[in-house]
PDB file of N, CA and C in Angstrom:
ATOM      1  N   UNK A   1       0.908 -92.258  39.206  1.00  0.00           N
ATOM      2  CA  UNK A   1       0.990 -91.575  37.920  1.00  0.00           C
ATOM      3  C   UNK A   1       2.450 -91.286  37.593  1.00  0.00           C
ATOM      4  N   UNK A   2       2.827 -91.523  36.349  1.00  0.00           N
ATOM      5  CA  UNK A   2       4.199 -91.300  35.934  1.00  0.00           C
ATOM      6  C   UNK A   2       4.459 -89.818  35.691  1.00  0.00           C
ATOM      7  N   UNK A   3       5.723 -89.455  35.693  1.00  0.00           N
ATOM      8  CA  UNK A   3       6.120 -88.068  35.465  1.00  0.00           C
ATOM      9  C   UNK A   3       5.710 -87.628  34.073  1.00  0.00           C
ATOM     10  N   UNK A   4       5.838 -88.541  33.103  1.00  0.00           N
ATOM     11  CA  UNK A   4       5.503 -88.232  31.709  1.00  0.00           C
ATOM     12  C   UNK A   4       4.033 -87.859  31.582  1.00  0.00           C
ATOM     13  N   UNK A   5       3.170 -88.623  32.261  1.00  0.00           N
ATOM     14  CA  UNK A   5       1.730 -88.360  32.190  1.00  0.00           C
ATOM     15  C   UNK A   5       1.380 -87.010  32.803  1.00  0.00           C
ATOM     16  N   UNK A   6       1.970 -86.718  33.981  1.00  0.00           N
ATOM     17  CA  UNK A   6       1.670 -85.452  34.642  1.00  0.00           C
ATOM     18  C   UNK A   6       2.188 -84.284  33.817  1.00  0.00           C
ATOM     19  N   UNK A   7       3.336 -84.477  33.138  1.00  0.00           N
ATOM     20  CA  UNK A   7       3.890 -83.433  32.281  1.00  0.00           C
ATOM     21  C   UNK A   7       2.921 -83.120  31.144  1.00  0.00           C
ATOM     22  N   UNK A   8       2.356 -84.178  30.560  1.00  0.00           N
ATOM     23  CA  UNK A   8       1.390 -83.992  29.475  1.00  0.00           C
ATOM     24  C   UNK A   8       0.136 -83.282  29.989  1.00  0.00           C
ATOM     25  N   UNK A   9      -0.296 -83.628  31.205  1.00  0.00           N
ATOM     26  CA  UNK A   9      -1.475 -82.995  31.791  1.00  0.00           C
ATOM     27  C   UNK A   9      -1.224 -81.513  32.023  1.00  0.00           C
ATOM     28  N   UNK A  10      -0.041 -81.181  32.576  1.00  0.00           N
ATOM     29  CA  UNK A  10       0.316 -79.782  32.828  1.00  0.00           C
ATOM     30  C   UNK A  10       0.395 -79.023  31.511  1.00  0.00           C
ATOM     31  N   UNK A  11       1.004 -79.641  30.517  1.00  0.00           N
ATOM     32  CA  UNK A  11       1.139 -79.015  29.199  1.00  0.00           C
ATOM     33  C   UNK A  11      -0.240 -78.747  28.599  1.00  0.00           C
ATOM     34  N   UNK A  12      -1.123 -79.715  28.702  1.00  0.00           N
ATOM     35  CA  UNK A  12      -2.475 -79.575  28.174  1.00  0.00           C
ATOM     36  C   UNK A  12      -3.235 -78.459  28.869  1.00  0.00           C
ATOM     37  N   UNK A  13      -3.061 -78.360  30.199  1.00  0.00           N
ATOM     38  CA  UNK A  13      -3.734 -77.313  30.960  1.00  0.00           C
ATOM     39  C   UNK A  13      -3.213 -75.945  30.556  1.00  0.00           C
ATOM     40  N   UNK A  14      -1.891 -75.840  30.372  1.00  0.00           N
ATOM     41  CA  UNK A  14      -1.286 -74.574  29.968  1.00  0.00           C
ATOM     42  C   UNK A  14      -1.795 -74.135  28.612  1.00  0.00           C
ATOM     43  N   UNK A  15      -1.824 -75.064  27.662  1.00  0.00           N
ATOM     44  CA  UNK A  15      -2.284 -74.755  26.310  1.00  0.00           C
ATOM     45  C   UNK A  15      -3.756 -74.347  26.330  1.00  0.00           C
ATOM     46  N   UNK A  16      -4.559 -75.057  27.122  1.00  0.00           N
ATOM     47  CA  UNK A  16      -5.991 -74.740  27.205  1.00  0.00           C
ATOM     48  C   UNK A  16      -6.209 -73.331  27.756  1.00  0.00           C
ATOM     49  N   UNK A  17      -5.476 -72.973  28.823  1.00  0.00           N
ATOM     50  CA  UNK A  17      -5.635 -71.639  29.405  1.00  0.00           C
ATOM     51  C   UNK A  17      -5.126 -70.571  28.446  1.00  0.00           C
ATOM     52  N   UNK A  18      -4.059 -70.883  27.699  1.00  0.00           N
ATOM     53  CA  UNK A  18      -3.522 -69.944  26.714  1.00  0.00           C
ATOM     54  C   UNK A  18      -4.562 -69.659  25.638  1.00  0.00           C
ATOM     55  N   UNK A  19      -5.183 -70.735  25.134  1.00  0.00           N
ATOM     56  CA  UNK A  19      -6.209 -70.599  24.089  1.00  0.00           C
ATOM     57  C   UNK A  19      -7.387 -69.781  24.622  1.00  0.00           C
ATOM     58  N   UNK A  20      -7.758 -70.040  25.897  1.00  0.00           N
ATOM     59  CA  UNK A  20      -8.887 -69.328  26.488  1.00  0.00           C
ATOM     60  C   UNK A  20      -8.578 -67.829  26.579  1.00  0.00           C
ATOM     61  N   UNK A  21      -7.358 -67.490  27.001  1.00  0.00           N
ATOM     62  CA  UNK A  21      -6.954 -66.083  27.104  1.00  0.00           C
ATOM     63  C   UNK A  21      -6.949 -65.425  25.733  1.00  0.00           C
ATOM     64  N   UNK A  22      -6.396 -66.128  24.744  1.00  0.00           N
ATOM     65  CA  UNK A  22      -6.342 -65.587  23.387  1.00  0.00           C
ATOM     66  C   UNK A  22      -7.744 -65.375  22.827  1.00  0.00           C
ATOM     67  N   UNK A  23      -8.644 -66.316  23.113  1.00  0.00           N
ATOM     68  CA  UNK A  23     -10.023 -66.202  22.634  1.00  0.00           C
ATOM     69  C   UNK A  23     -10.702 -65.001  23.282  1.00  0.00           C
ATOM     70  N   UNK A  24     -10.477 -64.812  24.594  1.00  0.00           N
ATOM     71  CA  UNK A  24     -11.065 -63.675  25.298  1.00  0.00           C
ATOM     72  C   UNK A  24     -10.545 -62.366  24.709  1.00  0.00           C
ATOM     73  N   UNK A  25      -9.237 -62.306  24.449  1.00  0.00           N
ATOM     74  CA  UNK A  25      -8.650 -61.104  23.862  1.00  0.00           C
ATOM     75  C   UNK A  25      -9.246 -60.824  22.499  1.00  0.00           C
ATOM     76  N   UNK A  26      -9.428 -61.875  21.711  1.00  0.00           N
ATOM     77  CA  UNK A  26      -9.999 -61.732  20.371  1.00  0.00           C
ATOM     78  C   UNK A  26     -11.429 -61.214  20.449  1.00  0.00           C
ATOM     79  N   UNK A  27     -12.223 -61.786  21.360  1.00  0.00           N
ATOM     80  CA  UNK A  27     -13.616 -61.362  21.539  1.00  0.00           C
ATOM     81  C   UNK A  27     -13.670 -59.898  21.967  1.00  0.00           C
ATOM     82  N   UNK A  28     -12.807 -59.509  22.904  1.00  0.00           N
ATOM     83  CA  UNK A  28     -12.778 -58.125  23.381  1.00  0.00           C
ATOM     84  C   UNK A  28     -12.392 -57.192  22.238  1.00  0.00           C
ATOM     85  N   UNK A  29     -11.397 -57.584  21.453  1.00  0.00           N
ATOM     86  CA  UNK A  29     -10.949 -56.757  20.330  1.00  0.00           C
ATOM     87  C   UNK A  29     -12.063 -56.596  19.297  1.00  0.00           C
ATOM     88  N   UNK A  30     -12.730 -57.700  18.979  1.00  0.00           N
ATOM     89  CA  UNK A  30     -13.816 -57.655  18.005  1.00  0.00           C
ATOM     90  C   UNK A  30     -14.952 -56.766  18.512  1.00  0.00           C
ATOM     91  N   UNK A  31     -15.281 -56.903  19.802  1.00  0.00           N
ATOM     92  CA  UNK A  31     -16.348 -56.101  20.397  1.00  0.00           C
ATOM     93  C   UNK A  31     -16.004 -54.616  20.328  1.00  0.00           C
ATOM     94  N   UNK A  32     -14.740 -54.286  20.642  1.00  0.00           N
ATOM     95  CA  UNK A  32     -14.315 -52.883  20.592  1.00  0.00           C
ATOM     96  C   UNK A  32     -14.360 -52.353  19.167  1.00  0.00           C
ATOM     97  N   UNK A  33     -13.998 -53.188  18.201  1.00  0.00           N
ATOM     98  CA  UNK A  33     -14.020 -52.768  16.802  1.00  0.00           C
ATOM     99  C   UNK A  33     -15.443 -52.534  16.318  1.00  0.00           C
ATOM    100  N   UNK A  34     -16.376 -53.396  16.769  1.00  0.00           N
ATOM    101  CA  UNK A  34     -17.771 -53.273  16.362  1.00  0.00           C
ATOM    102  C   UNK A  34     -18.382 -52.020  16.992  1.00  0.00           C
ATOM    103  N   UNK A  35     -18.033 -51.747  18.255  1.00  0.00           N
ATOM    104  CA  UNK A  35     -18.549 -50.560  18.957  1.00  0.00           C
ATOM    105  C   UNK A  35     -17.792 -49.326  18.524  1.00  0.00           C
TER     106      UNK A  35
END
């Protein structure tokens, strides 16, 4: 595997985890607002 490919994979994983964290925060915030 080339360095470029692994860099893209790492970048994709980072972005995916970032989105997941942001989504969790949003869900928690919405839940707190509703309650």
